[in-house]
Amino acid sequence: MSAALQPVQPDSGDIVTADAALPTVKAYLNTPREDADLVRVRVEDDSEVLTLPRAAVEVFTQVLAYMAAGHGVVVVPVDAELTTQQAADLLNVSRPYLIGLLEAGAIDYRKVGKHRRIKAASLTEYLRDDDQRRRQAADELSALTQEMGMA
């Protein structure tokens, strides 16, 4: 499998199709099934049934949701090692900004010769921690606003 990230940017037709499919896929996943770990998919014009892991269909549902909202999507294996440019692109920041985060210890990385490599899992961890910090700051600001009687 190639380490290159191939983004998928939905066009207007993709957005409409993803938006139409999303409720059906979500409803299927929310319906209790006898074999909850597997999902069977039948192609409309074919009698063949595909059996897929439920986890794969859950990821597919997330992809559909992003596409329905008009966002581009990239699927990256958790253990993939990314270049600094790939990591910066995924975080939607500049490469110099990312290098600052790496050097500050905010994101784990390793060096291969002179080059830095970042595991996708390290980016996910950074995003989760950053989101948690932002929520905490927003909660503190909200509490302070209420204390001051401004809410």
C-alpha atoms as a PDB file:
ATOM      1  CA  MET A   1       0.000   0.000   0.000  1.00  0.00           C
ATOM      2  CA  SER A   2       1.326   3.429  -0.924  1.00  0.00           C
ATOM      3  CA  ALA A   3       2.228   5.867   1.838  1.00  0.00           C
ATOM      4  CA  ALA A   4       1.139   8.759  -0.404  1.00  0.00           C
ATOM      5  CA  LEU A   5      -2.022  10.430   0.795  1.00  0.00           C
ATOM      6  CA  GLN A   6      -4.666  10.645  -1.910  1.00  0.00           C
ATOM      7  CA  PRO A   7      -7.268  13.210  -0.885  1.00  0.00           C
ATOM      8  CA  VAL A   8     -10.774  12.887  -2.266  1.00  0.00           C
ATOM      9  CA  GLN A   9     -12.490  16.228  -2.823  1.00  0.00           C
ATOM     10  CA  PRO A  10     -16.210  15.741  -3.469  1.00  0.00           C
ATOM     11  CA  ASP A  11     -17.876  17.537  -6.342  1.00  0.00           C
ATOM     12  CA  SER A  12     -21.507  18.680  -6.165  1.00  0.00           C
ATOM     13  CA  GLY A  13     -22.785  15.287  -7.363  1.00  0.00           C
ATOM     14  CA  ASP A  14     -20.729  13.459  -4.722  1.00  0.00           C
ATOM     15  CA  ILE A  15     -22.088  15.758  -2.029  1.00  0.00           C
ATOM     16  CA  VAL A  16     -25.694  15.059  -3.026  1.00  0.00           C
ATOM     17  CA  THR A  17     -25.087  11.300  -3.260  1.00  0.00           C
ATOM     18  CA  ALA A  18     -23.264  11.141   0.090  1.00  0.00           C
ATOM     19  CA  ASP A  19     -25.972  13.210   1.766  1.00  0.00           C
ATOM     20  CA  ALA A  20     -28.686  10.898   0.394  1.00  0.00           C
ATOM     21  CA  ALA A  21     -26.853   7.712   1.428  1.00  0.00           C
ATOM     22  CA  LEU A  22     -25.856   8.818   4.930  1.00  0.00           C
ATOM     23  CA  PRO A  23     -29.236   8.421   6.705  1.00  0.00           C
ATOM     24  CA  THR A  24     -29.703   4.908   5.287  1.00  0.00           C
ATOM     25  CA  VAL A  25     -26.243   3.767   6.368  1.00  0.00           C
ATOM     26  CA  LYS A  26     -26.668   5.312   9.837  1.00  0.00           C
ATOM     27  CA  ALA A  27     -30.092   3.701  10.264  1.00  0.00           C
ATOM     28  CA  TYR A  28     -28.682   0.310   9.284  1.00  0.00           C
ATOM     29  CA  LEU A  29     -25.863   0.636  11.825  1.00  0.00           C
ATOM     30  CA  ASN A  30     -28.300   1.714  14.556  1.00  0.00           C
ATOM     31  CA  THR A  31     -30.587  -1.276  14.019  1.00  0.00           C
ATOM     32  CA  PRO A  32     -29.756  -4.221  16.307  1.00  0.00           C
ATOM     33  CA  ARG A  33     -28.514  -7.202  14.298  1.00  0.00           C
ATOM     34  CA  GLU A  34     -27.827 -10.831  15.144  1.00  0.00           C
ATOM     35  CA  ASP A  35     -24.241 -10.628  13.866  1.00  0.00           C
ATOM     36  CA  ALA A  36     -23.324  -7.081  14.910  1.00  0.00           C
ATOM     37  CA  ASP A  37     -19.649  -7.355  13.875  1.00  0.00           C
ATOM     38  CA  LEU A  38     -20.455  -7.862  10.186  1.00  0.00           C
ATOM     39  CA  VAL A  39     -22.382  -5.828   7.639  1.00  0.00           C
ATOM     40  CA  ARG A  40     -23.758  -7.388   4.493  1.00  0.00           C
ATOM     41  CA  VAL A  41     -24.074  -5.139   1.465  1.00  0.00           C
ATOM     42  CA  ARG A  42     -25.982  -6.122  -1.681  1.00  0.00           C
ATOM     43  CA  VAL A  43     -25.314  -4.238  -4.899  1.00  0.00           C
ATOM     44  CA  GLU A  44     -28.653  -3.171  -6.382  1.00  0.00           C
ATOM     45  CA  ASP A  45     -28.052  -4.531  -9.903  1.00  0.00           C
ATOM     46  CA  ASP A  46     -26.241  -7.668  -8.746  1.00  0.00           C
ATOM     47  CA  SER A  47     -27.083 -10.664  -6.616  1.00  0.00           C
ATOM     48  CA  GLU A  48     -23.645 -10.707  -4.992  1.00  0.00           C
ATOM     49  CA  VAL A  49     -23.494  -9.858  -1.283  1.00  0.00           C
ATOM     50  CA  LEU A  50     -20.377  -8.317   0.211  1.00  0.00           C
ATOM     51  CA  THR A  51     -19.604  -9.027   3.857  1.00  0.00           C
ATOM     52  CA  LEU A  52     -17.722  -6.182   5.516  1.00  0.00           C
ATOM     53  CA  PRO A  53     -16.394  -5.603   9.018  1.00  0.00           C
ATOM     54  CA  ARG A  54     -18.716  -3.272  10.929  1.00  0.00           C
ATOM     55  CA  ALA A  55     -15.738  -1.067  11.871  1.00  0.00           C
ATOM     56  CA  ALA A  56     -15.025  -0.461   8.167  1.00  0.00           C
ATOM     57  CA  VAL A  57     -18.639   0.591   7.579  1.00  0.00           C
ATOM     58  CA  GLU A  58     -18.449   2.932  10.584  1.00  0.00           C
ATOM     59  CA  VAL A  59     -15.366   4.589   9.047  1.00  0.00           C
ATOM     60  CA  PHE A  60     -17.219   4.714   5.725  1.00  0.00           C
ATOM     61  CA  THR A  61     -20.092   6.499   7.507  1.00  0.00           C
ATOM     62  CA  GLN A  62     -17.668   9.151   8.770  1.00  0.00           C
ATOM     63  CA  VAL A  63     -16.303   9.570   5.238  1.00  0.00           C
ATOM     64  CA  LEU A  64     -19.853   9.981   3.901  1.00  0.00           C
ATOM     65  CA  ALA A  65     -20.626  12.598   6.574  1.00  0.00           C
ATOM     66  CA  TYR A  66     -17.572  14.670   5.647  1.00  0.00           C
ATOM     67  CA  MET A  67     -18.310  14.362   1.943  1.00  0.00           C
ATOM     68  CA  ALA A  68     -21.976  15.297   2.484  1.00  0.00           C
ATOM     69  CA  ALA A  69     -20.735  18.458   4.202  1.00  0.00           C
ATOM     70  CA  GLY A  70     -18.520  19.205   1.183  1.00  0.00           C
ATOM     71  CA  HIS A  71     -15.225  18.414   2.894  1.00  0.00           C
ATOM     72  CA  GLY A  72     -12.359  16.558   1.277  1.00  0.00           C
ATOM     73  CA  VAL A  73     -11.310  13.287   2.904  1.00  0.00           C
ATOM     74  CA  VAL A  74      -8.051  11.390   3.348  1.00  0.00           C
ATOM     75  CA  VAL A  75      -7.874   7.924   4.873  1.00  0.00           C
ATOM     76  CA  VAL A  76      -4.590   7.317   6.687  1.00  0.00           C
ATOM     77  CA  PRO A  77      -3.582   4.095   8.455  1.00  0.00           C
ATOM     78  CA  VAL A  78      -2.868   4.744  12.143  1.00  0.00           C
ATOM     79  CA  ASP A  79       0.655   3.334  11.861  1.00  0.00           C
ATOM     80  CA  ALA A  80       1.537   5.336   8.731  1.00  0.00           C
ATOM     81  CA  GLU A  81       4.591   7.527   9.008  1.00  0.00           C
ATOM     82  CA  LEU A  82       4.113  10.920   7.411  1.00  0.00           C
ATOM     83  CA  THR A  83       6.500  13.538   6.144  1.00  0.00           C
ATOM     84  CA  THR A  84       6.346  16.940   7.772  1.00  0.00           C
ATOM     85  CA  GLN A  85       4.513  18.296   4.718  1.00  0.00           C
ATOM     86  CA  GLN A  86       1.908  15.511   4.798  1.00  0.00           C
ATOM     87  CA  ALA A  87       1.382  16.030   8.542  1.00  0.00           C
ATOM     88  CA  ALA A  88       1.099  19.806   8.087  1.00  0.00           C
ATOM     89  CA  ASP A  89      -1.446  19.285   5.307  1.00  0.00           C
ATOM     90  CA  LEU A  90      -3.533  16.982   7.516  1.00  0.00           C
ATOM     91  CA  LEU A  91      -3.501  19.521  10.353  1.00  0.00           C
ATOM     92  CA  ASN A  92      -4.157  22.349   7.896  1.00  0.00           C
ATOM     93  CA  VAL A  93      -1.147  24.307   9.165  1.00  0.00           C
ATOM     94  CA  SER A  94       2.087  25.476   7.554  1.00  0.00           C
ATOM     95  CA  ARG A  95       5.107  23.194   7.570  1.00  0.00           C
ATOM     96  CA  PRO A  96       7.153  25.679   9.679  1.00  0.00           C
ATOM     97  CA  TYR A  97       4.330  25.830  12.241  1.00  0.00           C
ATOM     98  CA  LEU A  98       4.248  22.018  12.404  1.00  0.00           C
ATOM     99  CA  ILE A  99       8.024  21.876  12.892  1.00  0.00           C
ATOM    100  CA  GLY A 100       7.607  24.295  15.795  1.00  0.00           C
ATOM    101  CA  LEU A 101       5.055  21.927  17.348  1.00  0.00           C
ATOM    102  CA  LEU A 102       7.432  18.998  16.854  1.00  0.00           C
ATOM    103  CA  GLU A 103      10.374  20.821  18.401  1.00  0.00           C
ATOM    104  CA  ALA A 104       8.207  21.998  21.317  1.00  0.00           C
ATOM    105  CA  GLY A 105       7.334  18.350  22.039  1.00  0.00           C
ATOM    106  CA  ALA A 106       3.630  18.783  21.272  1.00  0.00           C
ATOM    107  CA  ILE A 107       3.719  15.937  18.720  1.00  0.00           C
ATOM    108  CA  ASP A 108       5.900  12.837  18.861  1.00  0.00           C
ATOM    109  CA  TYR A 109       8.172  12.189  15.905  1.00  0.00           C
ATOM    110  CA  ARG A 110      11.378  10.429  14.973  1.00  0.00           C
ATOM    111  CA  LYS A 111      14.264  11.365  12.753  1.00  0.00           C
ATOM    112  CA  VAL A 112      15.356   9.336   9.754  1.00  0.00           C
ATOM    113  CA  GLY A 113      18.663  10.888   8.836  1.00  0.00           C
ATOM    114  CA  LYS A 114      17.896  14.599   8.671  1.00  0.00           C
ATOM    115  CA  HIS A 115      14.176  14.053   8.019  1.00  0.00           C
ATOM    116  CA  ARG A 116      11.381  14.003  10.571  1.00  0.00           C
ATOM    117  CA  ARG A 117       8.687  11.329  10.413  1.00  0.00           C
ATOM    118  CA  ILE A 118       5.402  11.595  12.288  1.00  0.00           C
ATOM    119  CA  LYS A 119       3.082   8.676  12.999  1.00  0.00           C
ATOM    120  CA  ALA A 120      -0.539   9.334  12.111  1.00  0.00           C
ATOM    121  CA  ALA A 121      -1.435   8.157  15.622  1.00  0.00           C
ATOM    122  CA  SER A 122       0.684  10.990  17.063  1.00  0.00           C
ATOM    123  CA  LEU A 123      -1.295  13.507  15.002  1.00  0.00           C
ATOM    124  CA  THR A 124      -4.567  12.006  16.204  1.00  0.00           C
ATOM    125  CA  GLU A 125      -3.384  12.227  19.808  1.00  0.00           C
ATOM    126  CA  TYR A 126      -2.325  15.865  19.330  1.00  0.00           C
ATOM    127  CA  LEU A 127      -5.705  16.751  17.780  1.00  0.00           C
ATOM    128  CA  ARG A 128      -7.581  15.040  20.616  1.00  0.00           C
ATOM    129  CA  ASP A 129      -5.485  16.829  23.265  1.00  0.00           C
ATOM    130  CA  ASP A 130      -5.796  20.171  21.456  1.00  0.00           C
ATOM    131  CA  ASP A 131      -9.576  19.754  21.218  1.00  0.00           C
ATOM    132  CA  GLN A 132      -9.718  18.969  24.940  1.00  0.00           C
ATOM    133  CA  ARG A 133      -7.640  22.096  25.766  1.00  0.00           C
ATOM    134  CA  ARG A 134      -9.923  24.249  23.611  1.00  0.00           C
ATOM    135  CA  ARG A 135     -13.059  22.894  25.272  1.00  0.00           C
ATOM    136  CA  GLN A 136     -11.592  23.447  28.719  1.00  0.00           C
ATOM    137  CA  ALA A 137     -10.664  27.044  27.823  1.00  0.00           C
ATOM    138  CA  ALA A 138     -14.172  27.654  26.441  1.00  0.00           C
ATOM    139  CA  ASP A 139     -15.723  26.206  29.616  1.00  0.00           C
ATOM    140  CA  GLU A 140     -13.519  28.432  31.780  1.00  0.00           C
ATOM    141  CA  LEU A 141     -14.424  31.493  29.712  1.00  0.00           C
ATOM    142  CA  SER A 142     -18.116  30.630  29.962  1.00  0.00           C
ATOM    143  CA  ALA A 143     -17.856  30.190  33.742  1.00  0.00           C
ATOM    144  CA  LEU A 144     -16.004  33.503  34.061  1.00  0.00           C
ATOM    145  CA  THR A 145     -18.652  35.248  31.945  1.00  0.00           C
ATOM    146  CA  GLN A 146     -21.399  33.861  34.182  1.00  0.00           C
ATOM    147  CA  GLU A 147     -19.489  34.878  37.330  1.00  0.00           C
ATOM    148  CA  MET A 148     -19.222  38.419  36.043  1.00  0.00           C
ATOM    149  CA  GLY A 149     -22.949  38.464  35.296  1.00  0.00           C
ATOM    150  CA  MET A 150     -22.427  38.980  31.596  1.00  0.00           C
ATOM    151  CA  ALA A 151     -24.373  35.914  30.471  1.00  0.00           C
END
